[in-house]
Amino acid sequence: MDEYEELINLALPYLWSVNLNGMRKNGPKILTIGEGDREVQMLEYLTEKGFDGPYGVLCHIKTEDAKVVLQRNIEGLKKLNGSK
């Protein structure tokens, strides 16, 4: 995460889609979108750099129903975007 901007700058010419999940620098690496501490900044940086491709959400939690996990991620993304 500390190298995010550098890596995005290198990858941006080749990016056509970005998958998201919540992350905390000093905590779990897989969280529901919106429960992390850097998603807003990461999304803002992509927008600032001109990325306008699609975003995807994944289900990395094997102990829960994928539909439930994905719905939580979609709701978290809406919250980050200021939607309801």
C-alpha atoms as a PDB file:
ATOM      1  CA  MET A   1       0.000   0.000   0.000  1.00  0.00           C
ATOM      2  CA  ASP A   2       2.911   2.344   0.591  1.00  0.00           C
ATOM      3  CA  GLU A   3       3.893   1.957  -3.072  1.00  0.00           C
ATOM      4  CA  TYR A   4       0.359   2.310  -4.413  1.00  0.00           C
ATOM      5  CA  GLU A   5       0.823   5.593  -6.285  1.00  0.00           C
ATOM      6  CA  GLU A   6       4.105   4.470  -7.825  1.00  0.00           C
ATOM      7  CA  LEU A   7       2.594   1.170  -8.954  1.00  0.00           C
ATOM      8  CA  ILE A   8      -0.539   2.830 -10.332  1.00  0.00           C
ATOM      9  CA  ASN A   9       1.613   5.240 -12.326  1.00  0.00           C
ATOM     10  CA  LEU A  10       3.448   2.293 -13.880  1.00  0.00           C
ATOM     11  CA  ALA A  11       0.308   0.267 -14.533  1.00  0.00           C
ATOM     12  CA  LEU A  12      -2.049   3.030 -15.628  1.00  0.00           C
ATOM     13  CA  PRO A  13      -1.293   2.806 -19.358  1.00  0.00           C
ATOM     14  CA  TYR A  14      -2.328  -0.871 -19.214  1.00  0.00           C
ATOM     15  CA  LEU A  15      -5.242  -0.705 -16.743  1.00  0.00           C
ATOM     16  CA  TRP A  16      -8.666  -1.361 -18.134  1.00  0.00           C
ATOM     17  CA  SER A  17     -10.330  -2.583 -14.911  1.00  0.00           C
ATOM     18  CA  VAL A  18      -9.616  -2.382 -11.175  1.00  0.00           C
ATOM     19  CA  ASN A  19     -10.827  -4.821  -8.514  1.00  0.00           C
ATOM     20  CA  LEU A  20     -11.450  -3.386  -5.071  1.00  0.00           C
ATOM     21  CA  ASN A  21     -11.541  -4.557  -1.490  1.00  0.00           C
ATOM     22  CA  GLY A  22     -11.219  -2.848   1.861  1.00  0.00           C
ATOM     23  CA  MET A  23      -7.746  -2.792   3.417  1.00  0.00           C
ATOM     24  CA  ARG A  24      -6.083  -1.443   6.522  1.00  0.00           C
ATOM     25  CA  LYS A  25      -2.408  -0.662   6.542  1.00  0.00           C
ATOM     26  CA  ASN A  26      -1.883  -2.160   9.991  1.00  0.00           C
ATOM     27  CA  GLY A  27      -4.745  -4.605  10.015  1.00  0.00           C
ATOM     28  CA  PRO A  28      -6.454  -7.243   7.953  1.00  0.00           C
ATOM     29  CA  LYS A  29      -5.691  -7.020   4.250  1.00  0.00           C
ATOM     30  CA  ILE A  30      -9.167  -8.173   3.201  1.00  0.00           C
ATOM     31  CA  LEU A  31     -12.141  -6.196   4.493  1.00  0.00           C
ATOM     32  CA  THR A  32     -15.501  -5.096   3.193  1.00  0.00           C
ATOM     33  CA  ILE A  33     -15.118  -2.063   0.957  1.00  0.00           C
ATOM     34  CA  GLY A  34     -15.533   1.029   3.106  1.00  0.00           C
ATOM     35  CA  GLU A  35     -14.202  -0.587   6.284  1.00  0.00           C
ATOM     36  CA  GLY A  36     -10.586   0.058   5.383  1.00  0.00           C
ATOM     37  CA  ASP A  37      -8.557   3.189   5.978  1.00  0.00           C
ATOM     38  CA  ARG A  38      -7.352   3.987   2.453  1.00  0.00           C
ATOM     39  CA  GLU A  39     -10.020   3.167  -0.114  1.00  0.00           C
ATOM     40  CA  VAL A  40     -11.161   6.758  -0.542  1.00  0.00           C
ATOM     41  CA  GLN A  41      -7.630   7.989  -1.189  1.00  0.00           C
ATOM     42  CA  MET A  42      -6.924   5.105  -3.551  1.00  0.00           C
ATOM     43  CA  LEU A  43     -10.075   5.769  -5.582  1.00  0.00           C
ATOM     44  CA  GLU A  44      -9.411   9.507  -5.625  1.00  0.00           C
ATOM     45  CA  TYR A  45      -5.891   8.898  -6.920  1.00  0.00           C
ATOM     46  CA  LEU A  46      -7.184   6.712  -9.752  1.00  0.00           C
ATOM     47  CA  THR A  47      -9.704   9.398 -10.705  1.00  0.00           C
ATOM     48  CA  GLU A  48      -7.075  12.135 -10.471  1.00  0.00           C
ATOM     49  CA  LYS A  49      -4.865  10.158 -12.837  1.00  0.00           C
ATOM     50  CA  GLY A  50      -7.686   9.838 -15.352  1.00  0.00           C
ATOM     51  CA  PHE A  51      -8.756   6.225 -14.826  1.00  0.00           C
ATOM     52  CA  ASP A  52     -12.349   5.881 -16.018  1.00  0.00           C
ATOM     53  CA  GLY A  53     -12.602   2.133 -16.478  1.00  0.00           C
ATOM     54  CA  PRO A  54     -14.854  -0.263 -14.609  1.00  0.00           C
ATOM     55  CA  TYR A  55     -14.402  -1.347 -11.007  1.00  0.00           C
ATOM     56  CA  GLY A  56     -14.988  -4.862  -9.807  1.00  0.00           C
ATOM     57  CA  VAL A  57     -15.601  -6.374  -6.391  1.00  0.00           C
ATOM     58  CA  LEU A  58     -14.436  -9.808  -5.311  1.00  0.00           C
ATOM     59  CA  CYS A  59     -15.408 -12.343  -2.680  1.00  0.00           C
ATOM     60  CA  HIS A  60     -12.290 -13.473  -0.834  1.00  0.00           C
ATOM     61  CA  ILE A  61     -14.175 -14.738   2.231  1.00  0.00           C
ATOM     62  CA  LYS A  62     -14.605 -18.491   1.912  1.00  0.00           C
ATOM     63  CA  THR A  63     -16.617 -18.882   5.116  1.00  0.00           C
ATOM     64  CA  GLU A  64     -19.585 -16.765   3.968  1.00  0.00           C
ATOM     65  CA  ASP A  65     -22.109 -16.861   1.162  1.00  0.00           C
ATOM     66  CA  ALA A  66     -20.590 -15.065  -1.845  1.00  0.00           C
ATOM     67  CA  LYS A  67     -23.849 -13.234  -2.590  1.00  0.00           C
ATOM     68  CA  VAL A  68     -23.876 -11.712   0.914  1.00  0.00           C
ATOM     69  CA  VAL A  69     -20.196 -10.722   0.781  1.00  0.00           C
ATOM     70  CA  LEU A  70     -20.517  -9.163  -2.667  1.00  0.00           C
ATOM     71  CA  GLN A  71     -23.642  -7.240  -1.643  1.00  0.00           C
ATOM     72  CA  ARG A  72     -21.783  -5.809   1.373  1.00  0.00           C
ATOM     73  CA  ASN A  73     -18.957  -4.740  -0.926  1.00  0.00           C
ATOM     74  CA  ILE A  74     -21.379  -3.063  -3.332  1.00  0.00           C
ATOM     75  CA  GLU A  75     -23.036  -1.207  -0.439  1.00  0.00           C
ATOM     76  CA  GLY A  76     -19.620  -0.164   0.874  1.00  0.00           C
ATOM     77  CA  LEU A  77     -18.674   1.182  -2.549  1.00  0.00           C
ATOM     78  CA  LYS A  78     -21.920   3.166  -2.696  1.00  0.00           C
ATOM     79  CA  LYS A  79     -21.108   4.705   0.678  1.00  0.00           C
ATOM     80  CA  LEU A  80     -17.649   5.694  -0.520  1.00  0.00           C
ATOM     81  CA  ASN A  81     -19.246   7.355  -3.529  1.00  0.00           C
ATOM     82  CA  GLY A  82     -21.780   9.194  -1.368  1.00  0.00           C
ATOM     83  CA  SER A  83     -24.728   7.209  -2.732  1.00  0.00           C
ATOM     84  CA  LYS A  84     -27.403   5.411  -0.773  1.00  0.00           C
END
